[in-house]
Structures are given as C-alpha cells and as structure tokens.
N, C-alpha and C. Protein backbone atom coordinates (compact mmCIF):
# COMPACT_ATOMS: atom_id res chain seq x y z
N UNK A 1 -6.09 1.67 0.62
CA UNK A 1 -5.42 0.98 2.16
C UNK A 1 -4.83 -0.60 1.71
N UNK A 2 -3.90 -0.50 2.49
CA UNK A 2 -3.44 -1.27 2.46
C UNK A 2 -2.42 -2.26 4.56
N UNK A 3 -2.16 -3.49 4.07
CA UNK A 3 -1.82 -3.81 5.31
C UNK A 3 -0.75 -4.06 5.67
N UNK A 4 0.08 -4.07 5.16
CA UNK A 4 1.80 -3.33 4.12
C UNK A 4 2.08 -3.20 4.08
N UNK A 5 3.21 -2.41 4.89
CA UNK A 5 3.83 -1.43 4.36
C UNK A 5 4.26 -1.28 2.93
N UNK A 6 5.54 -2.60 2.33
CA UNK A 6 5.56 -2.89 0.97
C UNK A 6 4.74 -2.97 0.23
N UNK A 7 3.22 -3.20 0.59
CA UNK A 7 2.37 -2.88 -0.62
C UNK A 7 1.63 -1.65 -1.00
N UNK A 8 1.60 -1.06 -0.19
CA UNK A 8 1.45 0.72 0.00
C UNK A 8 1.84 1.66 -1.82
N UNK A 9 1.49 1.68 -2.53
CA UNK A 9 1.94 2.19 -3.55
C UNK A 9 1.52 3.95 -3.83
N UNK A 10 1.85 4.42 -4.95
CA UNK A 10 1.54 5.66 -5.43
C UNK A 10 0.45 5.23 -6.69
N UNK A 11 0.51 4.45 -7.41
CA UNK A 11 0.63 3.72 -8.63
C UNK A 11 -1.36 4.01 -8.50
N UNK A 12 -1.87 5.04 -9.91
CA UNK A 12 -2.86 5.04 -10.06
C UNK A 12 -3.46 4.86 -11.27
N UNK A 13 -4.95 4.52 -11.39
CA UNK A 13 -5.41 4.05 -12.52
C UNK A 13 -6.84 4.19 -12.69
N UNK A 14 -7.30 4.77 -14.06
CA UNK A 14 -9.03 4.99 -13.86
C UNK A 14 -9.23 4.28 -15.48
N UNK A 15 -10.66 3.34 -15.16
CA UNK A 15 -10.68 2.76 -16.55
C UNK A 15 -9.40 1.84 -16.95
N UNK A 16 -8.52 1.71 -16.39
CA UNK A 16 -7.90 1.02 -17.22
C UNK A 16 -6.38 1.54 -17.66
N UNK A 17 -6.43 2.84 -17.81
CA UNK A 17 -5.50 3.57 -17.83
C UNK A 17 -4.31 4.55 -16.48
N UNK A 18 -3.02 3.84 -16.84
CA UNK A 18 -2.18 4.73 -15.95
C UNK A 18 -2.49 6.15 -15.64
N UNK A 19 -3.28 7.16 -14.75
CA UNK A 19 -2.89 8.53 -14.67
C UNK A 19 -1.32 8.49 -14.02
N UNK A 20 -1.14 7.69 -13.05
CA UNK A 20 -0.09 7.92 -11.62
C UNK A 20 1.17 6.52 -12.03
N UNK A 21 2.17 6.82 -12.45
CA UNK A 21 2.86 5.82 -12.53
C UNK A 21 3.85 5.50 -11.67
N UNK A 22 4.23 4.92 -10.87
CA UNK A 22 5.09 5.01 -9.64
C UNK A 22 6.64 4.42 -10.18
N UNK A 23 7.30 5.33 -9.86
CA UNK A 23 8.72 5.01 -10.90
C UNK A 23 9.95 4.43 -9.55
N UNK A 24 9.68 5.17 -8.27
CA UNK A 24 10.34 4.61 -7.33
C UNK A 24 9.71 4.29 -6.00
N UNK A 25 10.29 3.66 -4.94
CA UNK A 25 9.89 4.67 -3.22
C UNK A 25 10.91 3.65 -2.92
N UNK A 26 10.69 4.80 -1.38
CA UNK A 26 11.76 4.50 -0.48
C UNK A 26 11.56 4.45 1.04
N UNK A 27 11.00 3.27 1.27
CA UNK A 27 10.50 3.50 3.18
C UNK A 27 11.10 4.21 3.85
N UNK A 28 11.08 5.46 4.44
CA UNK A 28 12.07 5.89 5.52
C UNK A 28 12.22 5.92 7.03
N UNK A 29 10.62 5.36 7.51
CA UNK A 29 11.17 4.73 8.69
C UNK A 29 9.39 3.72 8.22
N UNK A 30 9.81 2.69 9.35
CA UNK A 30 8.65 1.96 9.09
C UNK A 30 8.10 1.50 10.88
N UNK A 31 6.71 1.09 10.93
CA UNK A 31 5.84 0.65 12.45
C UNK A 31 4.75 1.63 12.13
N UNK A 32 3.92 1.87 13.44
CA UNK A 32 2.49 2.51 13.54
C UNK A 32 2.38 3.30 12.75
N UNK A 33 3.45 4.16 12.47
CA UNK A 33 3.69 5.54 11.94
C UNK A 33 4.25 5.00 10.94
N UNK A 34 4.40 4.99 9.46
CA UNK A 34 5.48 5.20 8.69
C UNK A 34 5.55 6.04 7.35
N UNK A 35 6.31 6.70 6.92
CA UNK A 35 6.88 7.69 5.98
C UNK A 35 7.75 7.11 5.00
N UNK A 36 7.19 7.53 3.68
CA UNK A 36 7.22 7.20 2.01
C UNK A 36 7.41 7.84 1.36
N UNK A 37 9.30 7.94 0.31
CA UNK A 37 9.06 8.84 -0.81
C UNK A 37 8.37 8.02 -1.50
N UNK A 38 7.68 8.55 -2.48
CA UNK A 38 7.59 7.99 -3.71
C UNK A 38 8.18 8.99 -5.00
N UNK A 39 8.43 8.26 -5.96
CA UNK A 39 9.03 8.91 -7.33
C UNK A 39 8.27 8.52 -8.91
N UNK A 40 7.67 9.79 -8.54
CA UNK A 40 6.55 9.01 -10.08
C UNK A 40 6.09 9.85 -10.75
N UNK A 41 5.53 9.87 -11.50
CA UNK A 41 4.91 10.76 -13.33
C UNK A 41 3.08 10.89 -13.83
N UNK A 42 3.01 11.81 -13.67
CA UNK A 42 1.81 12.08 -14.10
C UNK A 42 1.67 12.15 -15.41
N UNK A 43 0.31 11.35 -16.05
CA UNK A 43 0.29 11.65 -17.18
C UNK A 43 -0.25 12.93 -17.79
N UNK A 44 0.06 13.45 -18.45
CA UNK A 44 -0.77 14.77 -19.55
C UNK A 44 -1.31 14.27 -20.15
N UNK A 45 -2.36 14.39 -20.17
CA UNK A 45 -3.90 13.75 -20.59
C UNK A 45 -4.09 14.50 -22.04
N UNK A 46 -3.48 15.65 -22.39
CA UNK A 46 -3.83 15.93 -23.28
C UNK A 46 -2.85 15.67 -24.43
N UNK A 47 -1.30 14.80 -24.13
CA UNK A 47 -0.27 14.69 -24.88
C UNK A 47 -0.07 12.85 -25.06
N UNK A 48 -0.59 12.40 -23.86
CA UNK A 48 -0.82 11.01 -23.61
C UNK A 48 0.43 10.83 -23.35
N UNK A 49 1.43 11.68 -23.03
CA UNK A 49 2.91 10.97 -22.50
C UNK A 49 2.81 11.80 -21.00
N UNK A 50 3.78 10.67 -20.56
CA UNK A 50 3.96 11.17 -19.00
C UNK A 50 4.96 12.26 -18.68
N UNK A 51 4.42 13.14 -17.70
CA UNK A 51 5.09 14.74 -17.58
C UNK A 51 6.60 13.44 -16.89
N UNK A 52 7.27 15.51 -16.64
CA UNK A 52 8.46 14.77 -15.61
C UNK A 52 8.34 14.10 -14.06
N UNK A 53 9.27 13.61 -13.91
CA UNK A 53 9.03 12.78 -12.56
C UNK A 53 8.49 14.07 -11.49
N UNK A 54 8.00 13.39 -10.26
CA UNK A 54 8.27 14.29 -9.10
C UNK A 54 8.10 13.51 -8.42
N UNK A 55 8.14 13.70 -6.59
CA UNK A 55 8.26 13.07 -5.57
C UNK A 55 7.11 13.58 -4.53
N UNK A 56 6.81 12.66 -3.75
CA UNK A 56 5.94 12.44 -3.04
C UNK A 56 6.36 12.11 -1.71
N UNK A 57 5.87 12.69 -0.37
CA UNK A 57 6.02 12.49 0.79
C UNK A 57 5.45 12.24 2.00
N UNK A 58 5.29 10.53 1.93
CA UNK A 58 3.97 10.90 2.57
C UNK A 58 3.56 9.93 4.05
N UNK A 59 2.63 10.37 4.80
CA UNK A 59 2.92 9.85 5.77
C UNK A 59 1.96 8.80 6.22
N UNK A 60 1.83 7.52 7.24
CA UNK A 60 0.54 6.66 6.99
C UNK A 60 0.53 6.09 8.69
N UNK A 61 0.05 5.74 8.39
CA UNK A 61 -0.85 5.43 10.45
C UNK A 61 -1.24 3.94 10.17
N UNK A 62 -1.03 3.08 11.23
CA UNK A 62 -1.73 1.93 11.03
C UNK A 62 -2.90 2.52 11.77
N UNK A 63 -3.82 2.09 11.63
CA UNK A 63 -5.26 1.95 12.13
C UNK A 63 -5.84 0.58 11.99
N UNK A 64 -6.74 -0.50 13.14
CA UNK A 64 -7.46 -1.37 12.95
C UNK A 64 -6.83 -2.44 11.59
N UNK A 65 -5.62 -2.64 11.66
CA UNK A 65 -4.95 -3.46 11.04
C UNK A 65 -4.51 -3.15 9.35
N UNK A 66 -4.59 -1.76 9.01
CA UNK A 66 -4.22 -0.84 7.71
C UNK A 66 -3.68 0.60 7.77
N UNK A 67 -2.99 0.53 7.41
CA UNK A 67 -1.96 1.63 6.68
C UNK A 67 -3.18 2.92 6.29
N UNK A 68 -3.57 3.52 7.14
CA UNK A 68 -4.24 4.81 6.20
C UNK A 68 -3.37 6.34 5.62
N UNK A 69 -3.36 6.58 4.57
CA UNK A 69 -2.59 8.34 4.38
C UNK A 69 -2.90 9.24 5.29
N UNK A 70 -2.22 9.80 6.13
CA UNK A 70 -2.65 11.20 6.87
C UNK A 70 -1.85 12.17 6.74
N UNK A 71 -1.19 11.81 6.03
CA UNK A 71 -0.83 13.92 5.43
C UNK A 71 0.68 13.61 4.69
N UNK A 72 0.79 14.54 3.39
CA UNK A 72 1.45 14.45 2.06
C UNK A 72 2.12 15.89 1.70
N UNK A 73 3.37 15.99 1.16
CA UNK A 73 4.02 16.64 0.45
C UNK A 73 3.83 16.57 -0.59
N UNK A 74 3.82 17.06 -2.02
CA UNK A 74 4.79 17.03 -3.45
C UNK A 74 5.32 17.61 -3.54
N UNK A 75 6.33 17.46 -4.01
CA UNK A 75 7.86 17.82 -4.60
C UNK A 75 7.41 18.31 -6.04
N UNK A 76 7.08 19.27 -6.72
CA UNK A 76 6.73 19.64 -8.26
C UNK A 76 7.57 19.29 -9.13
N UNK A 77 8.91 18.89 -8.77
CA UNK A 77 9.60 18.53 -9.83
C UNK A 77 11.32 18.67 -9.29
N UNK A 78 12.25 18.44 -10.71
CA UNK A 78 13.55 18.53 -10.41
C UNK A 78 14.14 19.98 -9.53
N UNK A 79 13.92 20.97 -9.96
CA UNK A 79 14.47 22.82 -9.22
C UNK A 79 13.55 22.13 -7.65
N UNK A 80 12.68 22.05 -7.27
CA UNK A 80 12.02 22.52 -6.28
C UNK A 80 12.60 21.18 -5.34
N UNK A 81 12.91 19.38 -5.97
CA UNK A 81 14.06 18.84 -4.97
C UNK A 81 14.78 19.40 -4.79
N UNK A 82 15.53 19.95 -5.29
CA UNK A 82 16.80 20.17 -5.36
C UNK A 82 17.09 21.09 -4.74
N UNK A 83 15.87 22.53 -4.30
CA UNK A 83 16.50 23.56 -3.34
C UNK A 83 16.08 23.05 -2.27
N UNK A 84 15.26 21.75 -2.04
CA UNK A 84 14.81 20.87 -0.87
C UNK A 84 16.15 20.94 0.01
N UNK A 85 16.92 20.03 -0.87
CA UNK A 85 17.63 19.10 -0.43
C UNK A 85 18.82 20.29 -0.16
N UNK A 86 18.97 21.13 -0.66
CA UNK A 86 19.99 22.06 -0.51
C UNK A 86 19.77 22.84 1.24
N UNK A 87 18.71 23.12 1.31
CA UNK A 87 18.19 23.80 2.20
C UNK A 87 18.16 22.85 3.44
N UNK A 88 17.95 21.80 3.35
CA UNK A 88 18.44 20.27 4.50
C UNK A 88 19.59 19.87 4.57
N UNK A 89 20.57 19.81 3.58
CA UNK A 89 22.02 19.92 3.75
C UNK A 89 22.71 21.00 4.83
N UNK A 90 22.33 22.47 4.43
CA UNK A 90 22.44 23.33 5.36
C UNK A 90 21.73 23.50 6.75
N UNK A 91 20.96 22.58 6.87
CA UNK A 91 20.10 22.65 8.31
C UNK A 91 20.70 21.58 8.74
N UNK A 92 21.33 20.61 8.32
CA UNK A 92 21.71 19.29 8.66
C UNK A 92 23.11 18.78 7.72
N UNK A 93 24.30 19.67 7.97
CA UNK A 93 25.22 19.25 7.53
C UNK A 93 25.63 17.88 7.34
N UNK A 94 25.97 16.87 6.95
CA UNK A 94 26.70 15.38 7.12
C UNK A 94 27.56 15.85 8.58
N UNK A 95 28.42 16.40 8.20
CA UNK A 95 30.19 16.36 9.66
C UNK A 95 29.17 16.26 11.08
N UNK A 96 27.81 16.66 10.78
CA UNK A 96 27.34 17.15 11.67
C UNK A 96 26.90 15.19 12.88
N UNK A 97 26.66 14.28 12.19
CA UNK A 97 26.03 13.15 11.79
C UNK A 97 27.35 12.46 13.26
N UNK A 98 26.62 11.52 13.91
CA UNK A 98 27.58 11.08 15.31
C UNK A 98 26.83 9.65 15.18
C-alpha cells in the first residue's frame, strides 16, 4: 500500500532477491481511483535470468489515505500486447478522437 500514486510499484523482492523487476510505469488516471500500466520482468528461478517483459494494468482505490489494489490484468508478453493493441485500435480508431 502507498499513500502517493508515484510511490506505487510492482517491484517485488524476497530475502533481498528481486523476483519482479519494474521496467517502466505509466499512470493513466489519477484521483481516488487510479489506473497504472506497469512493464515488468519476472525472475526465472531455474536460470537466474529475467524472463521476457510483461505488462500489468492495475486499478487502485484510495481508502483511508492509502491506495489499495482493487483489480489487475496481466499481459503475458509481446504477442498478447500487440493483439490487444490491434483490437483496441480497431474499436477506437484515432480518427474518431475529438
């Protein structure tokens, strides 16, 4: 939990070892409900190397002064990210923006 949107991170460690490395972060919306997209990589414990990047879209709600994660959707890799991008671009073409 964090009390500031800018402090929210997907970075995760256990016993000093990084298991989830945050590569990038974009805040899509701010306020009592916030949406953040993270780019991250998980550690492959067998090889000790980080796997190919993934993405996670996460929603947080501010309650009692702190942001609490309410939902998330993980994108498993580049192929799924491109498929999602193509679908959204078809549904919401840029020329329709006002």
